[in-house]
Amino acid sequence: MTLTDYYSECENGLSALVLAKLSTYFPEVWTVSNDDTSIARGADNLLVLRPGKFPYAMGSEMEEGVYKWEIIGDLYIRYVNYATSWTRFKAVRNELIHLVHMYPNLNNVPGVLKMQIAANERTAYFKLDEAGTKANFIIQTLEFTATQWVTFAGGEI
């Protein structure tokens, strides 16, 4: 029996939506992925996704309910100089905020009722050079939350 991976449906939906609608900032598939080694490939903007927490609320039946899938997204913006880099950082983050509100069901991912985005951490400089003295990226961890109604198939063994 193949089990549905509901979290992956939401993460893949978010990734596909960002790539489709924000291709100016994320022109290559690998710039929005769950591969944190992609930072070494040389993009100016990256969004690295990974699973977070997942609160659950049971529905009226035992085999249904609502999950709030947290998708952690580390947003990396290449540092060029102060004015250019921070302007681009704010623009990309703003586009992501608007995207989540314009496509609250992740462009029709089954069962997704709404999306939210938040950041509970400050922005930071990320140093990648060998000497550790030059900031190469501005980074902020974003928390995307996909609220999804799920129904489990099957029964007792």
Foldseek 3Di string as FASTA:
>chain_A
DDFDPLLVLVLVLLLVLCCVPVCVQVVDSQQEEQDPVCVVVDGQKHWHKDWDDWDWDDDPDNQKTKIWTKIKIKIKGFCDDDPVRVVVVVVVVVVSQVSQVVCQQSVDRAFFDGKHKDFPDDWDFDADDPVSPDGTIIITIMIMITIGIDGDDDDDD
